[in-house]
């Protein structure tokens, strides 16, 4: 039985990895695209392949748990959430989705107990001030240990303030780190509209930071490739009317500034 399971996992891994040397880096975005399209079984397959390739990353079982919940496979969702919590004890969404699974399984006492864990994690989360200067941003950024913590800081900074925040001092390392966090934010929670709005605003406004074109060229090829992944995850703006058309033009200009299509 164990041999059959291993063979099945290997089959999923082989089928999900694309040619061209990109490997499992493509799998999570494909899973998110399938999730957004409502094709949850396919999403599960991609998340499984990504998790097999990188079992230390809590994002993959967290996303797979969301897909399992959509299919009503609540025991599988709970098991994935346990994996998430084991990998990252401060992962709020891991506790939340585990609670959803337990409620669906009519295990209300277990769900209530898990809710207290969720409250404890949230209560212990450090309350950070929104950085007003590059020095303050760098100091806070250097203290953060997880992508979720970095995202929590980024989402509180209005994207339109980025040119004023960084002025002429944006470095390639900070730009690459922000880009990595934006990608992680989208890959981590594919069904959360707020993240999409914030990430899109960042991708549109970062090219307006002074010296952006020079700084972006100093990033490595892999770091610049993250920009294309983020734009692919975002998709094209679908606004209507005059404002929608203006947003599309701004986005097209920003994509070009990033060197993306």
Protein backbone atom coordinates (compact mmCIF):
# COMPACT_ATOMS: atom_id res chain seq x y z
CA UNK A 1 0.00 0.00 0.00
CA UNK A 2 2.83 2.37 0.89
CA UNK A 3 4.53 1.59 -2.43
CA UNK A 4 1.35 2.49 -4.32
CA UNK A 5 1.09 5.82 -2.49
CA UNK A 6 4.72 6.64 -3.26
CA UNK A 7 4.24 5.80 -6.93
CA UNK A 8 1.13 7.98 -7.08
CA UNK A 9 3.00 10.91 -5.52
CA UNK A 10 5.84 10.48 -8.00
CA UNK A 11 3.33 10.39 -10.86
CA UNK A 12 1.79 13.68 -9.71
CA UNK A 13 5.24 15.21 -9.33
CA UNK A 14 6.30 14.18 -12.84
CA UNK A 15 3.08 15.36 -14.44
CA UNK A 16 3.20 18.73 -12.69
CA UNK A 17 6.81 19.70 -13.40
CA UNK A 18 7.21 21.58 -16.64
CA UNK A 19 10.01 21.42 -19.20
CA UNK A 20 12.59 24.13 -19.50
CA UNK A 21 14.26 23.68 -16.14
CA UNK A 22 11.63 25.66 -14.21
CA UNK A 23 10.56 22.66 -12.17
CA UNK A 24 8.26 23.00 -9.20
CA UNK A 25 8.52 26.81 -9.26
CA UNK A 26 5.70 26.69 -11.82
CA UNK A 27 3.53 24.33 -9.83
CA UNK A 28 2.16 26.64 -7.15
CA UNK A 29 1.10 29.37 -9.62
CA UNK A 30 -0.58 26.68 -11.72
CA UNK A 31 -2.33 25.44 -8.59
CA UNK A 32 -3.53 28.95 -7.79
CA UNK A 33 -4.82 29.40 -11.34
CA UNK A 34 -6.72 26.12 -11.10
CA UNK A 35 -8.07 27.13 -7.68
CA UNK A 36 -9.36 30.46 -9.01
CA UNK A 37 -10.97 28.63 -11.93
CA UNK A 38 -12.78 26.32 -9.50
CA UNK A 39 -10.82 23.26 -10.63
CA UNK A 40 -9.96 22.15 -7.11
CA UNK A 41 -8.81 18.57 -7.91
CA UNK A 42 -6.22 19.94 -10.35
CA UNK A 43 -5.17 22.56 -7.80
CA UNK A 44 -4.64 19.80 -5.24
CA UNK A 45 -2.44 17.92 -7.70
CA UNK A 46 -0.21 20.94 -8.27
CA UNK A 47 0.02 21.79 -4.56
CA UNK A 48 0.91 18.16 -3.84
CA UNK A 49 3.72 18.26 -6.38
CA UNK A 50 5.03 21.51 -4.91
CA UNK A 51 4.92 20.08 -1.38
CA UNK A 52 6.77 16.93 -2.44
CA UNK A 53 9.48 19.12 -3.96
CA UNK A 54 9.67 21.44 -0.94
CA UNK A 55 8.18 19.82 2.20
CA UNK A 56 9.48 22.59 4.47
CA UNK A 57 7.21 25.23 2.89
CA UNK A 58 3.92 25.66 4.77
CA UNK A 59 2.33 27.49 1.84
CA UNK A 60 1.65 24.31 -0.12
CA UNK A 61 -0.30 22.31 2.49
CA UNK A 62 -2.09 25.54 3.47
CA UNK A 63 -3.28 26.05 -0.10
CA UNK A 64 -4.14 22.39 -0.50
CA UNK A 65 -6.22 22.56 2.68
CA UNK A 66 -8.23 25.42 1.13
CA UNK A 67 -8.90 23.27 -1.95
CA UNK A 68 -9.88 20.28 0.21
CA UNK A 69 -12.34 22.49 2.09
CA UNK A 70 -13.94 23.54 -1.20
CA UNK A 71 -14.44 19.85 -2.05
CA UNK A 72 -15.79 18.99 1.40
CA UNK A 73 -12.79 16.77 2.14
CA UNK A 74 -12.57 18.06 5.67
CA UNK A 75 -10.42 15.31 7.19
CA UNK A 76 -7.80 15.88 4.49
CA UNK A 77 -8.02 19.63 5.11
CA UNK A 78 -7.54 19.17 8.84
CA UNK A 79 -4.52 16.95 8.27
CA UNK A 80 -2.92 19.53 5.99
CA UNK A 81 -3.58 22.27 8.55
CA UNK A 82 -1.84 20.18 11.20
CA UNK A 83 1.15 20.03 8.87
CA UNK A 84 1.03 23.80 8.40
CA UNK A 85 0.99 24.40 12.16
CA UNK A 86 3.85 21.95 12.67
CA UNK A 87 5.91 23.87 10.11
CA UNK A 88 4.83 27.31 11.33
CA UNK A 89 3.26 27.54 14.78
CA UNK A 90 2.31 31.19 14.16
CA UNK A 91 0.43 30.57 10.93
CA UNK A 92 -2.96 32.13 11.68
CA UNK A 93 -4.61 30.81 8.52
CA UNK A 94 -3.52 27.28 9.42
CA UNK A 95 -5.46 27.49 12.70
CA UNK A 96 -8.41 29.17 11.02
CA UNK A 97 -8.78 26.56 8.28
CA UNK A 98 -8.32 23.76 10.76
CA UNK A 99 -11.24 25.25 12.69
CA UNK A 100 -13.33 25.35 9.52
CA UNK A 101 -12.60 21.68 8.88
CA UNK A 102 -13.45 20.68 12.45
CA UNK A 103 -16.74 22.58 12.40
CA UNK A 104 -17.67 20.82 9.15
CA UNK A 105 -16.81 17.49 10.82
CA UNK A 106 -19.14 18.41 13.72
CA UNK A 107 -16.22 18.35 16.15
CA UNK A 108 -17.23 21.58 17.80
CA UNK A 109 -15.24 21.13 21.01
CA UNK A 110 -12.05 20.57 19.05
CA UNK A 111 -12.87 23.60 16.91
CA UNK A 112 -13.39 25.71 20.03
CA UNK A 113 -10.09 24.55 21.51
CA UNK A 114 -8.34 25.43 18.27
CA UNK A 115 -9.97 28.86 18.31
CA UNK A 116 -8.24 29.63 21.61
CA UNK A 117 -4.92 28.75 19.98
CA UNK A 118 -5.78 31.12 17.14
CA UNK A 119 -6.60 33.93 19.56
CA UNK A 120 -3.35 33.33 21.45
CA UNK A 121 -1.31 33.51 18.25
CA UNK A 122 -3.06 36.69 17.14
CA UNK A 123 -2.74 38.30 20.58
CA UNK A 124 0.98 37.56 20.71
CA UNK A 125 1.60 39.02 17.26
CA UNK A 126 3.73 42.15 17.56
CA UNK A 127 1.96 45.43 16.81
CA UNK A 128 4.16 47.39 14.43
CA UNK A 129 4.00 51.02 13.48
CA UNK A 130 3.77 51.87 9.81
CA UNK A 131 7.28 52.97 8.72
CA UNK A 132 7.44 56.57 7.55
CA UNK A 133 11.07 56.61 6.39
CA UNK A 134 13.46 54.23 4.64
CA UNK A 135 15.49 53.91 7.84
CA UNK A 136 12.40 52.87 9.79
CA UNK A 137 11.35 50.48 7.02
CA UNK A 138 14.78 48.83 6.90
CA UNK A 139 14.92 48.48 10.69
CA UNK A 140 11.51 46.80 10.82
CA UNK A 141 12.18 44.68 7.73
CA UNK A 142 15.42 43.29 9.15
CA UNK A 143 13.58 42.13 12.28
CA UNK A 144 11.01 40.07 10.36
CA UNK A 145 11.53 36.34 9.99
CA UNK A 146 8.66 35.07 7.83
CA UNK A 147 7.05 36.14 4.57
CA UNK A 148 3.71 36.47 6.34
CA UNK A 149 5.23 38.98 8.77
CA UNK A 150 6.72 40.91 5.87
CA UNK A 151 3.38 40.91 4.10
CA UNK A 152 1.70 42.25 7.24
CA UNK A 153 4.02 45.26 7.07
CA UNK A 154 3.70 45.79 3.31
CA UNK A 155 -0.08 45.72 3.28
CA UNK A 156 -0.18 48.60 5.80
CA UNK A 157 1.91 50.90 3.61
CA UNK A 158 -0.17 52.64 0.92
CA UNK A 159 1.44 51.78 -2.41
CA UNK A 160 1.12 55.39 -3.57
CA UNK A 161 3.55 56.39 -0.78
CA UNK A 162 6.36 54.17 -2.05
CA UNK A 163 8.13 56.88 -4.12
CA UNK A 164 8.17 59.18 -1.10
CA UNK A 165 9.21 56.38 1.27
CA UNK A 166 12.18 55.13 -0.74
CA UNK A 167 13.06 58.34 -2.64
CA UNK A 168 16.43 57.68 -4.35
CA UNK A 169 17.64 55.08 -1.84
CA UNK A 170 15.85 51.93 -3.00
CA UNK A 171 18.37 49.07 -3.29
CA UNK A 172 18.21 45.98 -5.48
CA UNK A 173 18.22 43.72 -2.41
CA UNK A 174 15.21 45.46 -0.85
CA UNK A 175 13.34 45.52 -4.16
CA UNK A 176 13.98 41.80 -4.67
CA UNK A 177 12.87 41.04 -1.11
CA UNK A 178 9.65 43.02 -1.53
CA UNK A 179 8.96 41.27 -4.82
CA UNK A 180 9.54 37.89 -3.19
CA UNK A 181 7.09 38.77 -0.42
CA UNK A 182 4.46 39.90 -2.92
CA UNK A 183 4.80 36.62 -4.78
CA UNK A 184 4.57 34.66 -1.54
CA UNK A 185 1.47 36.63 -0.52
CA UNK A 186 -0.35 35.66 -3.71
CA UNK A 187 0.80 32.06 -3.69
CA UNK A 188 -0.03 31.64 -0.03
CA UNK A 189 -3.68 32.70 -0.18
CA UNK A 190 -4.98 32.47 -3.75
CA UNK A 191 -8.62 33.15 -2.78
CA UNK A 192 -8.14 36.43 -0.87
CA UNK A 193 -9.19 39.46 -3.00
CA UNK A 194 -7.59 42.01 -0.63
CA UNK A 195 -4.14 40.61 -1.32
CA UNK A 196 -4.65 40.83 -5.05
CA UNK A 197 -5.61 44.51 -4.81
CA UNK A 198 -2.64 45.38 -2.59
CA UNK A 199 -0.11 43.43 -4.67
CA UNK A 200 -1.40 44.97 -7.90
CA UNK A 201 -1.05 48.45 -6.39
CA UNK A 202 2.55 47.66 -5.38
CA UNK A 203 3.44 46.36 -8.83
CA UNK A 204 1.99 49.49 -10.44
CA UNK A 205 3.58 51.97 -8.03
CA UNK A 206 7.04 50.50 -7.43
CA UNK A 207 8.23 51.53 -10.94
CA UNK A 208 7.45 55.13 -9.93
CA UNK A 209 10.19 55.05 -7.29
CA UNK A 210 13.18 57.15 -8.44
CA UNK A 211 15.95 55.12 -10.12
CA UNK A 212 13.66 52.07 -10.38
CA UNK A 213 14.84 51.10 -13.86
CA UNK A 214 18.49 51.16 -12.77
CA UNK A 215 17.84 49.34 -9.51
CA UNK A 216 15.72 46.63 -11.14
CA UNK A 217 18.48 45.87 -13.63
CA UNK A 218 20.81 45.15 -10.71
CA UNK A 219 18.66 42.22 -9.58
CA UNK A 220 19.57 38.70 -10.64
CA UNK A 221 17.71 36.97 -13.47
CA UNK A 222 15.88 34.76 -10.96
CA UNK A 223 14.84 37.80 -8.93
CA UNK A 224 13.55 39.58 -12.02
CA UNK A 225 11.67 36.42 -13.00
CA UNK A 226 9.62 36.81 -9.81
CA UNK A 227 8.06 39.92 -11.34
CA UNK A 228 6.67 37.94 -14.28
CA UNK A 229 5.31 35.31 -11.91
CA UNK A 230 3.54 37.99 -9.86
CA UNK A 231 1.99 39.57 -12.95
CA UNK A 232 0.89 36.15 -14.18
CA UNK A 233 -0.76 35.47 -10.83
CA UNK A 234 -2.50 38.84 -10.91
CA UNK A 235 -3.79 38.51 -14.44
CA UNK A 236 -4.97 41.48 -16.47
CA UNK A 237 -6.97 44.31 -14.92
CA UNK A 238 -10.66 44.00 -15.82
CA UNK A 239 -12.01 47.43 -14.90
CA UNK A 240 -14.79 48.95 -16.99
CA UNK A 241 -15.43 52.48 -18.19
CA UNK A 242 -13.02 55.39 -18.35
CA UNK A 243 -11.39 54.64 -14.98
CA UNK A 244 -10.98 50.99 -15.92
CA UNK A 245 -9.29 51.95 -19.18
CA UNK A 246 -6.93 54.30 -17.33
CA UNK A 247 -6.05 51.55 -14.85
CA UNK A 248 -5.27 49.19 -17.73
CA UNK A 249 -2.94 51.76 -19.31
CA UNK A 250 -1.15 52.35 -16.01
CA UNK A 251 -0.77 48.61 -15.56
CA UNK A 252 0.57 48.13 -19.09
CA UNK A 253 3.16 50.83 -18.43
CA UNK A 254 4.17 49.20 -15.15
CA UNK A 255 4.47 45.77 -16.76
CA UNK A 256 6.79 47.28 -19.35
CA UNK A 257 8.87 48.97 -16.63
CA UNK A 258 9.28 45.58 -14.94
CA UNK A 259 10.32 44.06 -18.27
CA UNK A 260 7.23 41.85 -18.24
CA UNK A 261 4.50 41.10 -20.76
